[in-house]
PDB file of N, CA and C in Angstrom:
ATOM      1  N   UNK A   1     -60.439 -41.863  19.769  1.00  0.00           N
ATOM      2  CA  UNK A   1     -59.575 -42.875  19.224  1.00  0.00           C
ATOM      3  C   UNK A   1     -58.727 -42.300  18.089  1.00  0.00           C
ATOM      4  N   UNK A   2     -59.321 -41.506  17.213  1.00  0.00           N
ATOM      5  CA  UNK A   2     -58.565 -40.882  16.132  1.00  0.00           C
ATOM      6  C   UNK A   2     -57.513 -39.946  16.718  1.00  0.00           C
ATOM      7  N   UNK A   3     -57.889 -39.182  17.733  1.00  0.00           N
ATOM      8  CA  UNK A   3     -56.944 -38.241  18.350  1.00  0.00           C
ATOM      9  C   UNK A   3     -55.741 -38.976  18.920  1.00  0.00           C
ATOM     10  N   UNK A   4     -55.974 -40.082  19.606  1.00  0.00           N
ATOM     11  CA  UNK A   4     -54.868 -40.836  20.200  1.00  0.00           C
ATOM     12  C   UNK A   4     -53.972 -41.446  19.132  1.00  0.00           C
ATOM     13  N   UNK A   5     -54.575 -42.019  18.097  1.00  0.00           N
ATOM     14  CA  UNK A   5     -53.792 -42.629  17.018  1.00  0.00           C
ATOM     15  C   UNK A   5     -52.955 -41.585  16.295  1.00  0.00           C
ATOM     16  N   UNK A   6     -53.572 -40.460  15.965  1.00  0.00           N
ATOM     17  CA  UNK A   6     -52.852 -39.406  15.257  1.00  0.00           C
ATOM     18  C   UNK A   6     -51.730 -38.833  16.125  1.00  0.00           C
ATOM     19  N   UNK A   7     -51.985 -38.674  17.405  1.00  0.00           N
ATOM     20  CA  UNK A   7     -50.951 -38.190  18.320  1.00  0.00           C
ATOM     21  C   UNK A   7     -49.762 -39.144  18.336  1.00  0.00           C
ATOM     22  N   UNK A   8     -50.030 -40.435  18.411  1.00  0.00           N
ATOM     23  CA  UNK A   8     -48.947 -41.430  18.421  1.00  0.00           C
ATOM     24  C   UNK A   8     -48.139 -41.375  17.128  1.00  0.00           C
ATOM     25  N   UNK A   9     -48.813 -41.260  15.993  1.00  0.00           N
ATOM     26  CA  UNK A   9     -48.120 -41.181  14.701  1.00  0.00           C
ATOM     27  C   UNK A   9     -47.250 -39.932  14.641  1.00  0.00           C
ATOM     28  N   UNK A  10     -47.804 -38.804  15.045  1.00  0.00           N
ATOM     29  CA  UNK A  10     -47.046 -37.555  15.005  1.00  0.00           C
ATOM     30  C   UNK A  10     -45.818 -37.621  15.910  1.00  0.00           C
ATOM     31  N   UNK A  11     -45.973 -38.216  17.071  1.00  0.00           N
ATOM     32  CA  UNK A  11     -44.834 -38.325  17.991  1.00  0.00           C
ATOM     33  C   UNK A  11     -43.725 -39.197  17.405  1.00  0.00           C
ATOM     34  N   UNK A  12     -44.097 -40.282  16.708  1.00  0.00           N
ATOM     35  CA  UNK A  12     -43.067 -41.140  16.112  1.00  0.00           C
ATOM     36  C   UNK A  12     -42.305 -40.413  15.011  1.00  0.00           C
ATOM     37  N   UNK A  13     -42.912 -39.373  14.456  1.00  0.00           N
ATOM     38  CA  UNK A  13     -42.252 -38.571  13.420  1.00  0.00           C
ATOM     39  C   UNK A  13     -41.556 -37.335  13.981  1.00  0.00           C
ATOM     40  N   UNK A  14     -41.479 -37.241  15.296  1.00  0.00           N
ATOM     41  CA  UNK A  14     -40.726 -36.162  15.917  1.00  0.00           C
ATOM     42  C   UNK A  14     -41.518 -34.923  16.285  1.00  0.00           C
ATOM     43  N   UNK A  15     -42.822 -34.942  16.074  1.00  0.00           N
ATOM     44  CA  UNK A  15     -43.646 -33.791  16.449  1.00  0.00           C
ATOM     45  C   UNK A  15     -43.982 -33.856  17.931  1.00  0.00           C
ATOM     46  N   UNK A  16     -44.076 -32.704  18.574  1.00  0.00           N
ATOM     47  CA  UNK A  16     -44.565 -32.623  19.948  1.00  0.00           C
ATOM     48  C   UNK A  16     -46.075 -32.523  19.841  1.00  0.00           C
ATOM     49  N   UNK A  17     -46.754 -33.623  20.082  1.00  0.00           N
ATOM     50  CA  UNK A  17     -48.205 -33.677  19.894  1.00  0.00           C
ATOM     51  C   UNK A  17     -48.893 -34.026  21.201  1.00  0.00           C
ATOM     52  N   UNK A  18     -50.059 -33.424  21.407  1.00  0.00           N
ATOM     53  CA  UNK A  18     -50.871 -33.712  22.584  1.00  0.00           C
ATOM     54  C   UNK A  18     -52.312 -33.847  22.137  1.00  0.00           C
ATOM     55  N   UNK A  19     -52.964 -34.909  22.563  1.00  0.00           N
ATOM     56  CA  UNK A  19     -54.380 -35.093  22.252  1.00  0.00           C
ATOM     57  C   UNK A  19     -55.221 -34.377  23.300  1.00  0.00           C
ATOM     58  N   UNK A  20     -56.213 -33.638  22.833  1.00  0.00           N
ATOM     59  CA  UNK A  20     -57.255 -33.089  23.700  1.00  0.00           C
ATOM     60  C   UNK A  20     -58.581 -33.469  23.064  1.00  0.00           C
ATOM     61  N   UNK A  21     -59.641 -33.429  23.827  1.00  0.00           N
ATOM     62  CA  UNK A  21     -60.879 -34.045  23.375  1.00  0.00           C
ATOM     63  C   UNK A  21     -62.061 -33.095  23.281  1.00  0.00           C
ATOM     64  N   UNK A  22     -61.790 -31.797  23.324  1.00  0.00           N
ATOM     65  CA  UNK A  22     -62.859 -30.811  23.185  1.00  0.00           C
ATOM     66  C   UNK A  22     -62.243 -29.482  22.773  1.00  0.00           C
ATOM     67  N   UNK A  23     -63.075 -28.597  22.277  1.00  0.00           N
ATOM     68  CA  UNK A  23     -62.605 -27.253  21.927  1.00  0.00           C
ATOM     69  C   UNK A  23     -62.109 -26.532  23.176  1.00  0.00           C
ATOM     70  N   UNK A  24     -62.845 -26.673  24.276  1.00  0.00           N
ATOM     71  CA  UNK A  24     -62.421 -26.038  25.528  1.00  0.00           C
ATOM     72  C   UNK A  24     -61.065 -26.574  25.968  1.00  0.00           C
ATOM     73  N   UNK A  25     -60.859 -27.874  25.803  1.00  0.00           N
ATOM     74  CA  UNK A  25     -59.569 -28.470  26.139  1.00  0.00           C
ATOM     75  C   UNK A  25     -58.450 -27.924  25.271  1.00  0.00           C
ATOM     76  N   UNK A  26     -58.737 -27.710  23.991  1.00  0.00           N
ATOM     77  CA  UNK A  26     -57.735 -27.152  23.073  1.00  0.00           C
ATOM     78  C   UNK A  26     -57.380 -25.720  23.463  1.00  0.00           C
ATOM     79  N   UNK A  27     -58.390 -24.939  23.809  1.00  0.00           N
ATOM     80  CA  UNK A  27     -58.128 -23.547  24.196  1.00  0.00           C
ATOM     81  C   UNK A  27     -57.314 -23.482  25.489  1.00  0.00           C
ATOM     82  N   UNK A  28     -57.626 -24.345  26.443  1.00  0.00           N
ATOM     83  CA  UNK A  28     -56.885 -24.379  27.704  1.00  0.00           C
ATOM     84  C   UNK A  28     -55.449 -24.836  27.472  1.00  0.00           C
ATOM     85  N   UNK A  29     -55.265 -25.910  26.711  1.00  0.00           N
ATOM     86  CA  UNK A  29     -53.921 -26.430  26.445  1.00  0.00           C
ATOM     87  C   UNK A  29     -53.069 -25.411  25.699  1.00  0.00           C
ATOM     88  N   UNK A  30     -53.683 -24.650  24.810  1.00  0.00           N
ATOM     89  CA  UNK A  30     -52.940 -23.679  23.995  1.00  0.00           C
ATOM     90  C   UNK A  30     -52.353 -22.547  24.830  1.00  0.00           C
ATOM     91  N   UNK A  31     -52.920 -22.297  25.997  1.00  0.00           N
ATOM     92  CA  UNK A  31     -52.374 -21.241  26.863  1.00  0.00           C
ATOM     93  C   UNK A  31     -50.960 -21.584  27.321  1.00  0.00           C
ATOM     94  N   UNK A  32     -50.709 -22.873  27.552  1.00  0.00           N
ATOM     95  CA  UNK A  32     -49.391 -23.308  28.010  1.00  0.00           C
ATOM     96  C   UNK A  32     -48.498 -23.777  26.867  1.00  0.00           C
ATOM     97  N   UNK A  33     -49.085 -24.432  25.879  1.00  0.00           N
ATOM     98  CA  UNK A  33     -48.295 -25.061  24.820  1.00  0.00           C
ATOM     99  C   UNK A  33     -47.953 -24.133  23.661  1.00  0.00           C
ATOM    100  N   UNK A  34     -48.796 -23.158  23.382  1.00  0.00           N
ATOM    101  CA  UNK A  34     -48.660 -22.259  22.234  1.00  0.00           C
ATOM    102  C   UNK A  34     -48.353 -23.076  20.976  1.00  0.00           C
ATOM    103  N   UNK A  35     -49.353 -23.748  20.433  1.00  0.00           N
ATOM    104  CA  UNK A  35     -49.125 -24.664  19.309  1.00  0.00           C
ATOM    105  C   UNK A  35     -48.834 -23.957  17.986  1.00  0.00           C
ATOM    106  N   UNK A  36     -48.079 -24.647  17.136  1.00  0.00           N
ATOM    107  CA  UNK A  36     -47.865 -24.195  15.762  1.00  0.00           C
ATOM    108  C   UNK A  36     -49.057 -24.570  14.897  1.00  0.00           C
ATOM    109  N   UNK A  37     -49.642 -25.751  15.198  1.00  0.00           N
ATOM    110  CA  UNK A  37     -50.744 -26.285  14.403  1.00  0.00           C
ATOM    111  C   UNK A  37     -51.738 -26.975  15.321  1.00  0.00           C
ATOM    112  N   UNK A  38     -53.013 -26.811  15.018  1.00  0.00           N
ATOM    113  CA  UNK A  38     -54.089 -27.524  15.702  1.00  0.00           C
ATOM    114  C   UNK A  38     -54.815 -28.348  14.652  1.00  0.00           C
ATOM    115  N   UNK A  39     -55.048 -29.617  14.956  1.00  0.00           N
ATOM    116  CA  UNK A  39     -55.842 -30.489  14.092  1.00  0.00           C
ATOM    117  C   UNK A  39     -57.123 -30.776  14.856  1.00  0.00           C
ATOM    118  N   UNK A  40     -58.261 -30.421  14.253  1.00  0.00           N
ATOM    119  CA  UNK A  40     -59.534 -30.516  14.962  1.00  0.00           C
ATOM    120  C   UNK A  40     -60.623 -31.107  14.078  1.00  0.00           C
ATOM    121  N   UNK A  41     -61.557 -31.773  14.722  1.00  0.00           N
ATOM    122  CA  UNK A  41     -62.781 -32.180  14.041  1.00  0.00           C
ATOM    123  C   UNK A  41     -63.614 -30.922  13.813  1.00  0.00           C
ATOM    124  N   UNK A  42     -64.381 -30.902  12.747  1.00  0.00           N
ATOM    125  CA  UNK A  42     -65.285 -29.773  12.514  1.00  0.00           C
ATOM    126  C   UNK A  42     -66.512 -29.891  13.407  1.00  0.00           C
ATOM    127  N   UNK A  43     -67.070 -31.086  13.482  1.00  0.00           N
ATOM    128  CA  UNK A  43     -68.310 -31.290  14.223  1.00  0.00           C
ATOM    129  C   UNK A  43     -67.994 -31.724  15.652  1.00  0.00           C
ATOM    130  N   UNK A  44     -68.205 -30.803  16.595  1.00  0.00           N
ATOM    131  CA  UNK A  44     -67.998 -31.077  18.015  1.00  0.00           C
ATOM    132  C   UNK A  44     -69.151 -30.446  18.788  1.00  0.00           C
ATOM    133  N   UNK A  45     -69.464 -30.993  19.970  1.00  0.00           N
ATOM    134  CA  UNK A  45     -70.494 -30.351  20.786  1.00  0.00           C
ATOM    135  C   UNK A  45     -69.967 -29.043  21.366  1.00  0.00           C
ATOM    136  N   UNK A  46     -70.853 -28.166  21.691  1.00  0.00           N
ATOM    137  CA  UNK A  46     -70.571 -26.884  22.348  1.00  0.00           C
ATOM    138  C   UNK A  46     -69.891 -25.866  21.451  1.00  0.00           C
ATOM    139  N   UNK A  47     -68.816 -26.211  20.770  1.00  0.00           N
ATOM    140  CA  UNK A  47     -68.133 -25.294  19.858  1.00  0.00           C
ATOM    141  C   UNK A  47     -67.616 -26.127  18.692  1.00  0.00           C
ATOM    142  N   UNK A  48     -67.969 -25.746  17.451  1.00  0.00           N
ATOM    143  CA  UNK A  48     -67.496 -26.539  16.315  1.00  0.00           C
ATOM    144  C   UNK A  48     -66.078 -26.125  15.918  1.00  0.00           C
ATOM    145  N   UNK A  49     -65.497 -26.883  15.011  1.00  0.00           N
ATOM    146  CA  UNK A  49     -64.124 -26.632  14.602  1.00  0.00           C
ATOM    147  C   UNK A  49     -63.916 -25.290  13.928  1.00  0.00           C
ATOM    148  N   UNK A  50     -64.927 -24.805  13.207  1.00  0.00           N
ATOM    149  CA  UNK A  50     -64.828 -23.491  12.563  1.00  0.00           C
ATOM    150  C   UNK A  50     -64.735 -22.406  13.637  1.00  0.00           C
ATOM    151  N   UNK A  51     -65.566 -22.527  14.663  1.00  0.00           N
ATOM    152  CA  UNK A  51     -65.519 -21.561  15.771  1.00  0.00           C
ATOM    153  C   UNK A  51     -64.181 -21.649  16.511  1.00  0.00           C
ATOM    154  N   UNK A  52     -63.676 -22.869  16.675  1.00  0.00           N
ATOM    155  CA  UNK A  52     -62.379 -23.039  17.321  1.00  0.00           C
ATOM    156  C   UNK A  52     -61.278 -22.390  16.479  1.00  0.00           C
ATOM    157  N   UNK A  53     -61.339 -22.564  15.165  1.00  0.00           N
ATOM    158  CA  UNK A  53     -60.355 -21.938  14.278  1.00  0.00           C
ATOM    159  C   UNK A  53     -60.425 -20.418  14.380  1.00  0.00           C
ATOM    160  N   UNK A  54     -61.633 -19.873  14.495  1.00  0.00           N
ATOM    161  CA  UNK A  54     -61.789 -18.424  14.648  1.00  0.00           C
ATOM    162  C   UNK A  54     -61.166 -17.955  15.963  1.00  0.00           C
ATOM    163  N   UNK A  55     -61.339 -18.734  17.018  1.00  0.00           N
ATOM    164  CA  UNK A  55     -60.705 -18.412  18.304  1.00  0.00           C
ATOM    165  C   UNK A  55     -59.186 -18.359  18.145  1.00  0.00           C
ATOM    166  N   UNK A  56     -58.628 -19.373  17.477  1.00  0.00           N
ATOM    167  CA  UNK A  56     -57.175 -19.405  17.295  1.00  0.00           C
ATOM    168  C   UNK A  56     -56.699 -18.261  16.410  1.00  0.00           C
ATOM    169  N   UNK A  57     -57.493 -17.858  15.445  1.00  0.00           N
ATOM    170  CA  UNK A  57     -57.110 -16.734  14.579  1.00  0.00           C
ATOM    171  C   UNK A  57     -56.948 -15.452  15.388  1.00  0.00           C
ATOM    172  N   UNK A  58     -57.757 -15.295  16.425  1.00  0.00           N
ATOM    173  CA  UNK A  58     -57.696 -14.096  17.269  1.00  0.00           C
ATOM    174  C   UNK A  58     -56.622 -14.231  18.353  1.00  0.00           C
ATOM    175  N   UNK A  59     -56.615 -15.364  19.057  1.00  0.00           N
ATOM    176  CA  UNK A  59     -55.766 -15.517  20.240  1.00  0.00           C
ATOM    177  C   UNK A  59     -54.386 -16.112  19.957  1.00  0.00           C
ATOM    178  N   UNK A  60     -54.254 -16.824  18.857  1.00  0.00           N
ATOM    179  CA  UNK A  60     -52.976 -17.442  18.467  1.00  0.00           C
ATOM    180  C   UNK A  60     -52.844 -17.331  16.950  1.00  0.00           C
ATOM    181  N   UNK A  61     -52.699 -16.124  16.426  1.00  0.00           N
ATOM    182  CA  UNK A  61     -52.751 -15.917  14.973  1.00  0.00           C
ATOM    183  C   UNK A  61     -51.673 -16.650  14.179  1.00  0.00           C
ATOM    184  N   UNK A  62     -50.569 -17.024  14.792  1.00  0.00           N
ATOM    185  CA  UNK A  62     -49.525 -17.761  14.071  1.00  0.00           C
ATOM    186  C   UNK A  62     -49.837 -19.253  13.967  1.00  0.00           C
ATOM    187  N   UNK A  63     -50.826 -19.720  14.712  1.00  0.00           N
ATOM    188  CA  UNK A  63     -51.189 -21.135  14.723  1.00  0.00           C
ATOM    189  C   UNK A  63     -52.023 -21.484  13.488  1.00  0.00           C
ATOM    190  N   UNK A  64     -51.629 -22.539  12.811  1.00  0.00           N
ATOM    191  CA  UNK A  64     -52.408 -23.027  11.667  1.00  0.00           C
ATOM    192  C   UNK A  64     -53.436 -24.025  12.178  1.00  0.00           C
ATOM    193  N   UNK A  65     -54.573 -24.097  11.504  1.00  0.00           N
ATOM    194  CA  UNK A  65     -55.638 -25.009  11.910  1.00  0.00           C
ATOM    195  C   UNK A  65     -55.961 -25.939  10.755  1.00  0.00           C
ATOM    196  N   UNK A  66     -55.926 -27.230  11.032  1.00  0.00           N
ATOM    197  CA  UNK A  66     -56.334 -28.251  10.072  1.00  0.00           C
ATOM    198  C   UNK A  66     -57.644 -28.836  10.590  1.00  0.00           C
ATOM    199  N   UNK A  67     -58.668 -28.832   9.753  1.00  0.00           N
ATOM    200  CA  UNK A  67     -59.981 -29.327  10.157  1.00  0.00           C
ATOM    201  C   UNK A  67     -60.300 -30.627   9.435  1.00  0.00           C
ATOM    202  N   UNK A  68     -60.898 -31.560  10.179  1.00  0.00           N
ATOM    203  CA  UNK A  68     -61.283 -32.850   9.621  1.00  0.00           C
ATOM    204  C   UNK A  68     -62.744 -33.106   9.950  1.00  0.00           C
ATOM    205  N   UNK A  69     -63.421 -33.834   9.072  1.00  0.00           N
ATOM    206  CA  UNK A  69     -64.780 -34.236   9.392  1.00  0.00           C
ATOM    207  C   UNK A  69     -65.244 -35.360   8.486  1.00  0.00           C
ATOM    208  N   UNK A  70     -66.057 -36.211   9.037  1.00  0.00           N
ATOM    209  CA  UNK A  70     -66.740 -37.231   8.269  1.00  0.00           C
ATOM    210  C   UNK A  70     -68.227 -36.934   8.198  1.00  0.00           C
ATOM    211  N   UNK A  71     -68.649 -35.828   8.792  1.00  0.00           N
ATOM    212  CA  UNK A  71     -70.061 -35.447   8.858  1.00  0.00           C
ATOM    213  C   UNK A  71     -70.504 -34.782   7.567  1.00  0.00           C
ATOM    214  N   UNK A  72     -71.691 -35.104   7.122  1.00  0.00           N
ATOM    215  CA  UNK A  72     -72.202 -34.536   5.873  1.00  0.00           C
ATOM    216  C   UNK A  72     -72.524 -33.051   5.986  1.00  0.00           C
ATOM    217  N   UNK A  73     -72.688 -32.514   7.191  1.00  0.00           N
ATOM    218  CA  UNK A  73     -72.971 -31.082   7.358  1.00  0.00           C
ATOM    219  C   UNK A  73     -71.701 -30.239   7.292  1.00  0.00           C
ATOM    220  N   UNK A  74     -70.544 -30.858   7.336  1.00  0.00           N
ATOM    221  CA  UNK A  74     -69.283 -30.112   7.353  1.00  0.00           C
ATOM    222  C   UNK A  74     -69.109 -29.187   6.150  1.00  0.00           C
ATOM    223  N   UNK A  75     -69.434 -29.609   4.923  1.00  0.00           N
ATOM    224  CA  UNK A  75     -69.269 -28.678   3.795  1.00  0.00           C
ATOM    225  C   UNK A  75     -70.065 -27.385   3.955  1.00  0.00           C
ATOM    226  N   UNK A  76     -71.255 -27.459   4.544  1.00  0.00           N
ATOM    227  CA  UNK A  76     -72.050 -26.250   4.776  1.00  0.00           C
ATOM    228  C   UNK A  76     -71.342 -25.316   5.757  1.00  0.00           C
ATOM    229  N   UNK A  77     -70.762 -25.877   6.803  1.00  0.00           N
ATOM    230  CA  UNK A  77     -70.017 -25.057   7.760  1.00  0.00           C
ATOM    231  C   UNK A  77     -68.800 -24.421   7.099  1.00  0.00           C
ATOM    232  N   UNK A  78     -68.129 -25.169   6.242  1.00  0.00           N
ATOM    233  CA  UNK A  78     -66.955 -24.618   5.560  1.00  0.00           C
ATOM    234  C   UNK A  78     -67.334 -23.489   4.622  1.00  0.00           C
ATOM    235  N   UNK A  79     -68.434 -23.644   3.904  1.00  0.00           N
ATOM    236  CA  UNK A  79     -68.893 -22.559   3.020  1.00  0.00           C
ATOM    237  C   UNK A  79     -69.201 -21.309   3.840  1.00  0.00           C
ATOM    238  N   UNK A  80     -69.823 -21.491   4.988  1.00  0.00           N
ATOM    239  CA  UNK A  80     -70.123 -20.348   5.857  1.00  0.00           C
ATOM    240  C   UNK A  80     -68.830 -19.690   6.338  1.00  0.00           C
ATOM    241  N   UNK A  81     -67.839 -20.486   6.675  1.00  0.00           N
ATOM    242  CA  UNK A  81     -66.561 -19.926   7.125  1.00  0.00           C
ATOM    243  C   UNK A  81     -65.894 -19.137   6.013  1.00  0.00           C
ATOM    244  N   UNK A  82     -65.951 -19.649   4.800  1.00  0.00           N
ATOM    245  CA  UNK A  82     -65.340 -18.944   3.675  1.00  0.00           C
ATOM    246  C   UNK A  82     -66.022 -17.608   3.420  1.00  0.00           C
ATOM    247  N   UNK A  83     -67.332 -17.542   3.641  1.00  0.00           N
ATOM    248  CA  UNK A  83     -68.052 -16.272   3.478  1.00  0.00           C
ATOM    249  C   UNK A  83     -67.571 -15.240   4.490  1.00  0.00           C
ATOM    250  N   UNK A  84     -67.041 -15.713   5.591  1.00  0.00           N
ATOM    251  CA  UNK A  84     -66.534 -14.805   6.622  1.00  0.00           C
ATOM    252  C   UNK A  84     -65.011 -14.682   6.552  1.00  0.00           C
ATOM    253  N   UNK A  85     -64.448 -14.996   5.389  1.00  0.00           N
ATOM    254  CA  UNK A  85     -63.013 -14.821   5.103  1.00  0.00           C
ATOM    255  C   UNK A  85     -62.109 -15.649   6.004  1.00  0.00           C
ATOM    256  N   UNK A  86     -62.598 -16.792   6.453  1.00  0.00           N
ATOM    257  CA  UNK A  86     -61.749 -17.707   7.205  1.00  0.00           C
ATOM    258  C   UNK A  86     -61.356 -18.837   6.265  1.00  0.00           C
ATOM    259  N   UNK A  87     -60.107 -19.198   6.235  1.00  0.00           N
ATOM    260  CA  UNK A  87     -59.697 -20.338   5.421  1.00  0.00           C
ATOM    261  C   UNK A  87     -58.882 -21.292   6.279  1.00  0.00           C
ATOM    262  N   UNK A  88     -59.066 -22.559   6.041  1.00  0.00           N
ATOM    263  CA  UNK A  88     -58.421 -23.591   6.830  1.00  0.00           C
ATOM    264  C   UNK A  88     -58.101 -24.760   5.911  1.00  0.00           C
ATOM    265  N   UNK A  89     -57.134 -25.579   6.283  1.00  0.00           N
ATOM    266  CA  UNK A  89     -56.914 -26.840   5.597  1.00  0.00           C
ATOM    267  C   UNK A  89     -58.003 -27.788   6.067  1.00  0.00           C
ATOM    268  N   UNK A  90     -58.662 -28.458   5.153  1.00  0.00           N
ATOM    269  CA  UNK A  90     -59.748 -29.356   5.537  1.00  0.00           C
ATOM    270  C   UNK A  90     -59.537 -30.730   4.924  1.00  0.00           C
ATOM    271  N   UNK A  91     -59.942 -31.749   5.665  1.00  0.00           N
ATOM    272  CA  UNK A  91     -59.768 -33.128   5.242  1.00  0.00           C
ATOM    273  C   UNK A  91     -60.968 -33.944   5.664  1.00  0.00           C
ATOM    274  N   UNK A  92     -61.300 -34.957   4.859  1.00  0.00           N
ATOM    275  CA  UNK A  92     -62.299 -35.937   5.261  1.00  0.00           C
ATOM    276  C   UNK A  92     -61.615 -36.865   6.257  1.00  0.00           C
ATOM    277  N   UNK A  93     -62.361 -37.406   7.202  1.00  0.00           N
ATOM    278  CA  UNK A  93     -61.754 -38.243   8.238  1.00  0.00           C
ATOM    279  C   UNK A  93     -61.091 -39.496   7.677  1.00  0.00           C
ATOM    280  N   UNK A  94     -61.362 -39.829   6.434  1.00  0.00           N
ATOM    281  CA  UNK A  94     -60.695 -40.989   5.856  1.00  0.00           C
ATOM    282  C   UNK A  94     -59.289 -40.657   5.368  1.00  0.00           C
ATOM    283  N   UNK A  95     -58.861 -39.416   5.528  1.00  0.00           N
ATOM    284  CA  UNK A  95     -57.515 -39.023   5.118  1.00  0.00           C
ATOM    285  C   UNK A  95     -56.491 -39.856   5.889  1.00  0.00           C
ATOM    286  N   UNK A  96     -55.442 -40.232   5.202  1.00  0.00           N
ATOM    287  CA  UNK A  96     -54.402 -41.020   5.851  1.00  0.00           C
ATOM    288  C   UNK A  96     -53.361 -40.146   6.519  1.00  0.00           C
ATOM    289  N   UNK A  97     -52.588 -40.736   7.399  1.00  0.00           N
ATOM    290  CA  UNK A  97     -51.564 -39.963   8.098  1.00  0.00           C
ATOM    291  C   UNK A  97     -50.502 -39.391   7.163  1.00  0.00           C
ATOM    292  N   UNK A  98     -50.262 -40.027   6.036  1.00  0.00           N
ATOM    293  CA  UNK A  98     -49.250 -39.513   5.104  1.00  0.00           C
ATOM    294  C   UNK A  98     -49.637 -38.124   4.610  1.00  0.00           C
ATOM    295  N   UNK A  99     -50.902 -37.936   4.243  1.00  0.00           N
ATOM    296  CA  UNK A  99     -51.343 -36.620   3.772  1.00  0.00           C
ATOM    297  C   UNK A  99     -51.250 -35.574   4.883  1.00  0.00           C
ATOM    298  N   UNK A 100     -51.598 -35.956   6.088  1.00  0.00           N
ATOM    299  CA  UNK A 100     -51.489 -35.022   7.211  1.00  0.00           C
ATOM    300  C   UNK A 100     -50.025 -34.660   7.457  1.00  0.00           C
ATOM    301  N   UNK A 101     -49.145 -35.655   7.422  1.00  0.00           N
ATOM    302  CA  UNK A 101     -47.715 -35.386   7.609  1.00  0.00           C
ATOM    303  C   UNK A 101     -47.164 -34.498   6.497  1.00  0.00           C
ATOM    304  N   UNK A 102     -47.626 -34.704   5.270  1.00  0.00           N
ATOM    305  CA  UNK A 102     -47.181 -33.855   4.157  1.00  0.00           C
ATOM    306  C   UNK A 102     -47.623 -32.408   4.369  1.00  0.00           C
ATOM    307  N   UNK A 103     -48.844 -32.222   4.838  1.00  0.00           N
ATOM    308  CA  UNK A 103     -49.338 -30.870   5.097  1.00  0.00           C
ATOM    309  C   UNK A 103     -48.532 -30.218   6.212  1.00  0.00           C
ATOM    310  N   UNK A 104     -48.271 -30.954   7.276  1.00  0.00           N
ATOM    311  CA  UNK A 104     -47.472 -30.406   8.374  1.00  0.00           C
ATOM    312  C   UNK A 104     -46.066 -30.042   7.903  1.00  0.00           C
ATOM    313  N   UNK A 105     -45.479 -30.878   7.057  1.00  0.00           N
ATOM    314  CA  UNK A 105     -44.144 -30.579   6.524  1.00  0.00           C
ATOM    315  C   UNK A 105     -44.174 -29.311   5.679  1.00  0.00           C
ATOM    316  N   UNK A 106     -45.257 -29.114   4.932  1.00  0.00           N
ATOM    317  CA  UNK A 106     -45.388 -27.905   4.111  1.00  0.00           C
ATOM    318  C   UNK A 106     -45.540 -26.660   4.985  1.00  0.00           C
ATOM    319  N   UNK A 107     -46.113 -26.820   6.182  1.00  0.00           N
ATOM    320  CA  UNK A 107     -46.262 -25.702   7.106  1.00  0.00           C
ATOM    321  C   UNK A 107     -44.926 -25.280   7.707  1.00  0.00           C
ATOM    322  N   UNK A 108     -43.971 -26.200   7.782  1.00  0.00           N
ATOM    323  CA  UNK A 108     -42.699 -25.924   8.456  1.00  0.00           C
ATOM    324  C   UNK A 108     -41.949 -24.803   7.746  1.00  0.00           C
ATOM    325  N   UNK A 109     -41.349 -23.922   8.522  1.00  0.00           N
ATOM    326  CA  UNK A 109     -40.569 -22.845   7.894  1.00  0.00           C
ATOM    327  C   UNK A 109     -39.370 -23.425   7.154  1.00  0.00           C
ATOM    328  N   UNK A 110     -39.057 -22.851   6.011  1.00  0.00           N
ATOM    329  CA  UNK A 110     -37.905 -23.336   5.251  1.00  0.00           C
ATOM    330  C   UNK A 110     -36.619 -22.805   5.867  1.00  0.00           C
ATOM    331  N   UNK A 111     -35.588 -23.609   5.780  1.00  0.00           N
ATOM    332  CA  UNK A 111     -34.303 -23.250   6.399  1.00  0.00           C
ATOM    333  C   UNK A 111     -33.530 -22.272   5.546  1.00  0.00           C
TER     334      UNK A 111
END
């Protein structure tokens, strides 16, 4: 539900956005779409958002990753990622679309 809502908001602001519902889906979609930015939950089955961000760092190094989570274990995963020199934009799931849009605007190359 969050993915669909966020996708709709991004599209109304002119972004080419596609919702996918798993890390595997994101990796498959990225082969064709070559995204500038991926917004992912940290806590997912099979592969967490930190692992997905590491995949994108290797296979799509120009892609930025924004991670979101409402899970209490997420800070522990983020600390572990930082120990391995991975850095990502992170947000609590209560973040509003305005903050996400501001971050995306900051990612945009300056003219």
